[in-house]
Amino acid sequence: MSKKRIKNLIIASILLVILLLITGGLELAKQKIEAKHTEQKVGKEYGQTVPYTLISFMQGSQSFQKEQLLYYNRNVAKELDKASISSENEDARLYLYSFYAEEKETLSYDKSFVNSKVKVIGGDYFLFHKPKLLSGSYLLDNGNFSNYIVLDELCAWKLFGSFNVTGKEVKLGESRYYVCGVIARNDKNNLWLRLNGETPVAYVLHDSPEYLKNTIDYSNYELLLPNPVEGFAKGIAEQIIPQVDGENEIIDHSNLFSYKTLLKKAVSLNELAMQQKNYSYTPEENLIAVSQMKASFVVLFELIFLILSFIDFWVIIGICWKPLFTQIDRVIAAIKKKL
């Protein structure tokens, strides 16, 4: 092999290593973006032998009543039974659900008052959405936490001047609650802050004294369903609440960060720039949508560098091809001469 060919081979090989390292770095970046959202992990964590996926319902002006949601849950159970889907073990539930509404209330402790958003939650809300716990525990919808409340760190600080306030009593409306836990905010993330606002947030259960007898309009409903084949869970969801184009949307979290979905988003810039829909996304879904946009461009560049790596690989093969066959011809000629 000539010196020039050897030099070209070294350069092409170094370039291939660099391209593959960049491609690997982009793949890690994509995984890191997806890992930020607990909604994307809950299905993988819950399903052991059968994959699960989170389904979110985005509604327009229409909201949900609690009786409606319980009716939907019963229909989910019927549809899963029709499909002969059973639980993986006797202790595990076949499907999970959550819902929430937002109210504006004043919380008080002693002489401290805080105007706060109150999320009235139900089902497995804190399994689907897991902000970092600073103290205490999350609320569980099992009948034992009706008189408990979870505060975010801003709410806890304004009321008590501390985050370690588990067991403290606060007043909400005409009812008194014991602090169950304090959760972190994500104020350093400007997008999170823009979507959620600077208002303190508290969480109570739907069967808490202040909301048990009141009619609450729930704006968010989610299901964690078995998804043995692609599209199965979304099909069950569409049986429960039919999807009407432009009026509502059923979001299947199982493939939001798949390469196919992300590449489609990367080339659909007009859809990213303008969404004409008669419903709004929750802050959680908006954060996921922004992460999707970021991940789509990461995947696009990853594909470009993968193609460049493939081309460079064949350049290396081309450099080695002629000398390789020349050497093989020499070996064959030497063998023939000895024979």
Protein backbone atom coordinates (compact mmCIF):
# COMPACT_ATOMS: atom_id res chain seq x y z
CA MET A 1 0.00 0.00 0.00
CA SER A 2 1.44 3.41 -0.98
CA LYS A 3 2.19 6.08 1.63
CA LYS A 4 -0.53 8.31 0.18
CA ARG A 5 -3.09 5.50 0.47
CA ILE A 6 -2.02 4.79 4.07
CA LYS A 7 -2.33 8.51 4.93
CA ASN A 8 -5.85 8.64 3.40
CA LEU A 9 -6.80 5.48 5.32
CA ILE A 10 -5.66 6.99 8.65
CA ILE A 11 -7.57 10.23 7.99
CA ALA A 12 -10.75 8.38 6.96
CA SER A 13 -10.51 6.08 10.01
CA ILE A 14 -10.08 9.00 12.43
CA LEU A 15 -13.01 10.77 10.76
CA LEU A 16 -15.16 7.64 11.16
CA VAL A 17 -14.37 7.44 14.87
CA ILE A 18 -15.25 11.13 15.31
CA LEU A 19 -18.54 10.72 13.39
CA LEU A 20 -19.52 7.66 15.44
CA LEU A 21 -18.69 9.46 18.71
CA ILE A 22 -20.87 12.42 17.68
CA THR A 23 -23.69 10.03 16.69
CA GLY A 24 -23.41 8.28 20.08
CA GLY A 25 -23.41 11.62 21.88
CA LEU A 26 -26.56 12.71 20.05
CA GLU A 27 -28.26 9.41 20.99
CA LEU A 28 -27.39 10.01 24.67
CA ALA A 29 -28.75 13.56 24.38
CA LYS A 30 -32.03 12.21 22.95
CA GLN A 31 -32.34 9.69 25.80
CA LYS A 32 -31.62 12.41 28.36
CA ILE A 33 -34.37 14.64 26.94
CA GLU A 34 -36.90 11.78 27.14
CA ALA A 35 -35.80 10.76 30.67
CA LYS A 36 -36.83 14.16 32.06
CA HIS A 37 -40.50 13.17 31.84
CA THR A 38 -41.85 10.62 34.33
CA GLU A 39 -44.89 10.23 32.04
CA GLN A 40 -42.61 8.47 29.55
CA LYS A 41 -41.21 6.04 32.13
CA VAL A 42 -44.30 5.00 34.07
CA GLY A 43 -45.45 2.46 31.45
CA LYS A 44 -42.03 0.76 31.35
CA GLU A 45 -41.84 0.68 35.15
CA TYR A 46 -45.35 -0.72 35.69
CA GLY A 47 -45.50 -3.39 32.98
CA GLN A 48 -43.22 -6.38 33.53
CA THR A 49 -44.13 -8.96 30.90
CA VAL A 50 -46.79 -6.91 29.05
CA PRO A 51 -45.80 -3.33 28.05
CA TYR A 52 -47.98 -0.50 29.35
CA THR A 53 -48.47 3.00 28.00
CA LEU A 54 -49.88 6.25 29.35
CA ILE A 55 -52.89 7.67 27.50
CA SER A 56 -53.81 11.34 27.97
CA PHE A 57 -57.09 12.95 26.91
CA MET A 58 -56.92 16.58 25.73
CA GLN A 59 -60.38 18.14 25.70
CA GLY A 60 -61.72 21.42 24.38
CA SER A 61 -64.28 23.45 26.30
CA GLN A 62 -65.79 20.20 27.55
CA SER A 63 -64.68 19.05 31.01
CA PHE A 64 -65.21 15.86 32.96
CA GLN A 65 -67.41 15.20 35.95
CA LYS A 66 -66.25 12.63 38.49
CA GLU A 67 -69.22 10.37 37.76
CA GLN A 68 -68.27 10.43 34.07
CA LEU A 69 -64.71 9.41 34.87
CA LEU A 70 -65.85 6.50 37.02
CA TYR A 71 -68.15 5.45 34.17
CA TYR A 72 -65.22 5.59 31.75
CA ASN A 73 -63.16 3.46 34.13
CA ARG A 74 -65.87 0.80 34.20
CA ASN A 75 -65.95 0.79 30.40
CA VAL A 76 -62.17 0.41 30.28
CA ALA A 77 -62.48 -2.69 32.46
CA LYS A 78 -65.17 -4.09 30.12
CA GLU A 79 -63.09 -3.45 26.97
CA LEU A 80 -60.02 -5.10 28.49
CA ASP A 81 -62.13 -8.07 29.53
CA LYS A 82 -63.51 -8.36 25.97
CA ALA A 83 -59.93 -8.44 24.67
CA SER A 84 -59.09 -11.19 27.19
CA ILE A 85 -56.41 -9.03 28.83
CA SER A 86 -55.79 -10.04 32.44
CA SER A 87 -53.51 -8.74 35.17
CA GLU A 88 -49.94 -10.02 35.36
CA ASN A 89 -50.45 -11.08 38.99
CA GLU A 90 -53.28 -11.12 41.50
CA ASP A 91 -52.00 -8.14 43.49
CA ALA A 92 -51.49 -5.82 40.50
CA ARG A 93 -54.26 -3.71 39.03
CA LEU A 94 -54.94 -4.21 35.34
CA TYR A 95 -55.08 -0.48 34.59
CA LEU A 96 -54.44 2.79 36.45
CA TYR A 97 -55.96 6.23 36.04
CA SER A 98 -55.66 9.80 37.25
CA PHE A 99 -57.55 13.06 36.94
CA TYR A 100 -57.27 16.58 38.26
CA ALA A 101 -58.90 20.00 38.31
CA GLU A 102 -57.42 23.37 39.19
CA GLU A 103 -59.08 25.75 41.66
CA LYS A 104 -57.94 29.07 43.16
CA GLU A 105 -58.05 29.18 46.94
CA THR A 106 -56.52 30.92 49.95
CA LEU A 107 -54.51 28.80 52.38
CA SER A 108 -53.78 29.99 55.88
CA TYR A 109 -51.67 29.04 58.89
CA ASP A 110 -51.78 31.13 62.03
CA LYS A 111 -51.39 34.70 60.66
CA SER A 112 -49.93 33.66 57.30
CA PHE A 113 -52.09 33.66 54.15
CA VAL A 114 -51.22 32.42 50.65
CA ASN A 115 -53.26 32.75 47.47
CA SER A 116 -52.65 29.42 45.80
CA LYS A 117 -53.63 27.17 42.94
CA VAL A 118 -55.15 24.00 44.35
CA LYS A 119 -54.98 20.86 42.25
CA VAL A 120 -57.86 18.55 43.15
CA ILE A 121 -56.48 15.16 42.17
CA GLY A 122 -57.71 11.59 42.01
CA GLY A 123 -56.51 8.12 41.16
CA ASP A 124 -52.78 7.58 40.66
CA TYR A 125 -51.81 11.18 39.94
CA PHE A 126 -48.50 11.09 41.79
CA LEU A 127 -47.55 7.82 40.10
CA PHE A 128 -47.87 9.47 36.68
CA HIS A 129 -46.36 12.81 37.71
CA LYS A 130 -43.51 12.64 40.21
CA PRO A 131 -42.08 15.99 41.28
CA LYS A 132 -39.16 15.65 43.66
CA LEU A 133 -40.16 15.17 47.29
CA LEU A 134 -38.44 17.54 49.71
CA SER A 135 -40.14 16.06 52.76
CA GLY A 136 -43.01 13.74 53.71
CA SER A 137 -44.86 11.67 51.12
CA TYR A 138 -47.26 11.94 48.19
CA LEU A 139 -51.04 11.68 48.52
CA LEU A 140 -52.58 8.26 47.92
CA ASP A 141 -56.18 7.94 46.74
CA ASN A 142 -57.01 5.06 49.09
CA GLY A 143 -59.48 6.69 51.50
CA ASN A 144 -56.85 7.44 54.15
CA PHE A 145 -55.58 10.82 52.92
CA SER A 146 -58.80 12.83 52.63
CA ASN A 147 -57.69 15.30 55.31
CA TYR A 148 -54.14 15.67 54.02
CA ILE A 149 -52.55 18.19 51.68
CA VAL A 150 -49.30 18.37 49.68
CA LEU A 151 -47.67 21.77 49.25
CA ASP A 152 -45.08 22.86 46.74
CA GLU A 153 -41.93 24.42 48.18
CA LEU A 154 -43.05 28.00 47.49
CA CYS A 155 -46.37 27.45 49.25
CA ALA A 156 -44.66 25.80 52.24
CA TRP A 157 -42.09 28.57 52.51
CA LYS A 158 -44.66 31.36 52.39
CA LEU A 159 -46.83 29.69 55.03
CA PHE A 160 -44.21 28.27 57.39
CA GLY A 161 -40.78 29.55 56.33
CA SER A 162 -39.61 25.94 56.07
CA PHE A 163 -39.91 22.78 53.96
CA ASN A 164 -39.95 20.34 56.90
CA VAL A 165 -43.58 20.92 57.80
CA THR A 166 -45.06 17.40 57.67
CA GLY A 167 -47.96 17.14 60.12
CA LYS A 168 -48.57 20.91 60.30
CA GLU A 169 -52.18 22.03 60.00
CA VAL A 170 -53.37 24.47 57.32
CA LYS A 171 -56.80 25.86 56.60
CA LEU A 172 -58.29 25.75 53.10
CA GLY A 173 -61.73 27.31 52.79
CA GLU A 174 -63.73 26.02 55.73
CA SER A 175 -61.69 22.83 56.11
CA ARG A 176 -58.47 21.96 57.91
CA TYR A 177 -55.77 19.72 56.45
CA TYR A 178 -52.55 18.16 57.68
CA VAL A 179 -49.47 18.59 55.50
CA CYS A 180 -48.54 15.23 54.03
CA GLY A 181 -45.50 16.32 52.03
CA VAL A 182 -43.64 19.14 50.30
CA ILE A 183 -42.59 18.87 46.65
CA ALA A 184 -40.03 20.78 44.60
CA ARG A 185 -40.79 23.29 41.89
CA ASN A 186 -38.79 23.70 38.70
CA ASP A 187 -38.51 27.48 38.72
CA LYS A 188 -35.01 27.41 37.17
CA ASN A 189 -36.59 26.10 33.97
CA ASN A 190 -37.98 29.22 32.28
CA LEU A 191 -40.39 27.22 30.13
CA TRP A 192 -41.76 25.34 33.16
CA LEU A 193 -42.19 28.65 34.97
CA ARG A 194 -43.95 30.22 31.99
CA LEU A 195 -46.37 27.29 31.69
CA ASN A 196 -47.06 26.82 35.42
CA GLY A 197 -46.72 30.39 36.61
CA GLU A 198 -45.25 31.76 39.82
CA THR A 199 -48.33 31.03 41.91
CA PRO A 200 -47.82 28.53 44.78
CA VAL A 201 -49.56 25.16 44.32
CA ALA A 202 -51.23 22.81 46.78
CA TYR A 203 -52.67 19.34 46.14
CA VAL A 204 -55.70 17.73 47.78
CA LEU A 205 -57.76 14.66 46.93
CA HIS A 206 -61.15 14.71 45.24
CA ASP A 207 -62.78 13.23 48.36
CA SER A 208 -61.36 15.87 50.69
CA PRO A 209 -63.89 17.72 52.90
CA GLU A 210 -63.69 20.98 50.93
CA TYR A 211 -64.49 19.35 47.56
CA LEU A 212 -66.42 16.18 48.38
CA LYS A 213 -69.85 17.81 48.04
CA ASN A 214 -68.95 20.37 45.37
CA THR A 215 -69.30 19.81 41.64
CA ILE A 216 -65.80 19.97 40.17
CA ASP A 217 -64.98 20.28 36.47
CA TYR A 218 -61.99 18.04 35.88
CA SER A 219 -59.88 19.13 32.92
CA ASN A 220 -57.43 16.25 32.76
CA TYR A 221 -57.94 12.47 32.55
CA GLU A 222 -55.22 9.87 32.04
CA LEU A 223 -55.10 6.09 31.79
CA LEU A 224 -52.22 3.64 32.12
CA LEU A 225 -53.22 0.70 29.92
CA PRO A 226 -51.65 -2.56 28.77
CA ASN A 227 -50.32 -2.19 25.23
CA PRO A 228 -49.38 -5.69 24.02
CA VAL A 229 -49.27 -4.49 20.40
CA GLU A 230 -48.81 -0.99 19.01
CA GLY A 231 -52.06 0.97 18.99
CA PHE A 232 -53.97 -1.40 21.28
CA ALA A 233 -54.17 0.98 24.26
CA LYS A 234 -55.13 3.95 22.09
CA GLY A 235 -57.83 1.81 20.45
CA ILE A 236 -59.30 1.07 23.89
CA ALA A 237 -59.19 4.81 24.71
CA GLU A 238 -61.01 5.68 21.48
CA GLN A 239 -63.76 3.21 22.39
CA ILE A 240 -64.25 5.10 25.65
CA ILE A 241 -64.03 8.69 24.35
CA PRO A 242 -64.12 8.93 20.54
CA GLN A 243 -61.52 11.23 19.02
CA VAL A 244 -62.94 14.13 16.99
CA ASP A 245 -60.36 15.83 14.78
CA GLY A 246 -59.72 19.39 15.91
CA GLU A 247 -61.97 19.08 18.97
CA ASN A 248 -60.04 16.70 21.19
CA GLU A 249 -56.97 14.51 21.10
CA ILE A 250 -55.89 11.19 22.56
CA ILE A 251 -52.15 11.12 23.20
CA ASP A 252 -50.40 7.75 23.28
CA HIS A 253 -47.13 8.19 25.18
CA SER A 254 -45.65 4.89 24.00
CA ASN A 255 -44.24 6.26 20.74
CA LEU A 256 -43.81 10.00 21.36
CA PHE A 257 -40.02 9.64 21.30
CA SER A 258 -39.73 6.88 18.71
CA TYR A 259 -37.41 7.61 15.77
CA LYS A 260 -40.32 7.48 13.33
CA THR A 261 -42.37 10.05 15.29
CA LEU A 262 -39.43 12.36 15.90
CA LEU A 263 -38.28 12.35 12.26
CA LYS A 264 -41.82 13.14 11.12
CA LYS A 265 -41.88 16.09 13.51
CA ALA A 266 -38.47 17.29 12.38
CA VAL A 267 -39.65 17.61 8.77
CA SER A 268 -43.07 19.09 9.68
CA LEU A 269 -41.88 22.55 10.65
CA ASN A 270 -45.22 24.13 9.78
CA GLU A 271 -46.98 21.97 12.38
CA LEU A 272 -44.41 22.91 15.00
CA ALA A 273 -44.78 26.61 14.23
CA MET A 274 -48.58 26.78 14.29
CA GLN A 275 -51.19 24.62 15.98
CA GLN A 276 -54.80 25.42 15.14
CA LYS A 277 -56.78 23.41 17.65
CA ASN A 278 -59.84 24.09 19.75
CA TYR A 279 -58.29 22.69 22.91
CA SER A 280 -55.24 23.42 25.00
CA TYR A 281 -52.55 21.13 26.32
CA THR A 282 -51.79 20.75 30.01
CA PRO A 283 -48.44 22.15 31.20
CA GLU A 284 -47.11 18.57 31.40
CA GLU A 285 -48.06 17.82 27.79
CA ASN A 286 -46.69 21.16 26.62
CA LEU A 287 -43.34 20.40 28.26
CA ILE A 288 -43.32 16.99 26.55
CA ALA A 289 -44.19 18.62 23.21
CA VAL A 290 -41.24 21.03 23.53
CA SER A 291 -38.94 18.13 24.47
CA GLN A 292 -40.25 16.29 21.42
CA MET A 293 -39.31 19.23 19.23
CA LYS A 294 -35.78 19.33 20.69
CA ALA A 295 -35.40 15.55 20.38
CA SER A 296 -36.64 15.62 16.77
CA PHE A 297 -33.78 17.90 15.72
CA VAL A 298 -31.30 15.83 17.72
CA VAL A 299 -32.49 12.70 15.88
CA LEU A 300 -32.33 14.51 12.53
CA PHE A 301 -28.68 15.42 13.13
CA GLU A 302 -28.05 11.90 14.44
CA LEU A 303 -29.35 10.50 11.15
CA ILE A 304 -27.17 12.91 9.15
CA PHE A 305 -24.04 11.88 11.05
CA LEU A 306 -25.00 8.22 10.72
CA ILE A 307 -25.25 8.62 6.94
CA LEU A 308 -21.88 10.40 6.89
CA SER A 309 -20.42 7.54 8.96
CA PHE A 310 -21.80 5.03 6.46
CA ILE A 311 -20.29 6.96 3.54
CA ASP A 312 -16.94 7.25 5.31
CA PHE A 313 -16.98 3.52 6.07
CA TRP A 314 -17.29 2.75 2.36
CA VAL A 315 -14.51 5.26 1.61
CA ILE A 316 -12.28 3.19 3.93
CA ILE A 317 -13.36 -0.01 2.15
CA GLY A 318 -12.52 1.66 -1.17
CA ILE A 319 -9.07 2.66 0.07
CA CYS A 320 -8.35 -0.88 1.26
CA TRP A 321 -10.06 -2.68 -1.63
CA LYS A 322 -7.36 -2.56 -4.35
CA PRO A 323 -4.36 -3.31 -2.08
CA LEU A 324 -6.29 -6.14 -0.46
CA PHE A 325 -7.03 -7.86 -3.76
CA THR A 326 -3.49 -7.20 -5.00
CA GLN A 327 -2.16 -8.98 -1.92
CA ILE A 328 -4.62 -11.86 -2.39
CA ASP A 329 -3.48 -12.22 -6.03
CA ARG A 330 0.14 -12.37 -4.88
CA VAL A 331 -0.63 -15.06 -2.30
CA ILE A 332 -2.52 -17.13 -4.88
CA ALA A 333 0.35 -16.73 -7.40
CA ALA A 334 2.89 -17.81 -4.76
CA ILE A 335 0.84 -20.90 -3.91
CA LYS A 336 0.51 -21.84 -7.59
CA LYS A 337 4.27 -21.43 -8.07
CA LYS A 338 5.03 -23.81 -5.22
CA LEU A 339 2.58 -26.34 -6.59
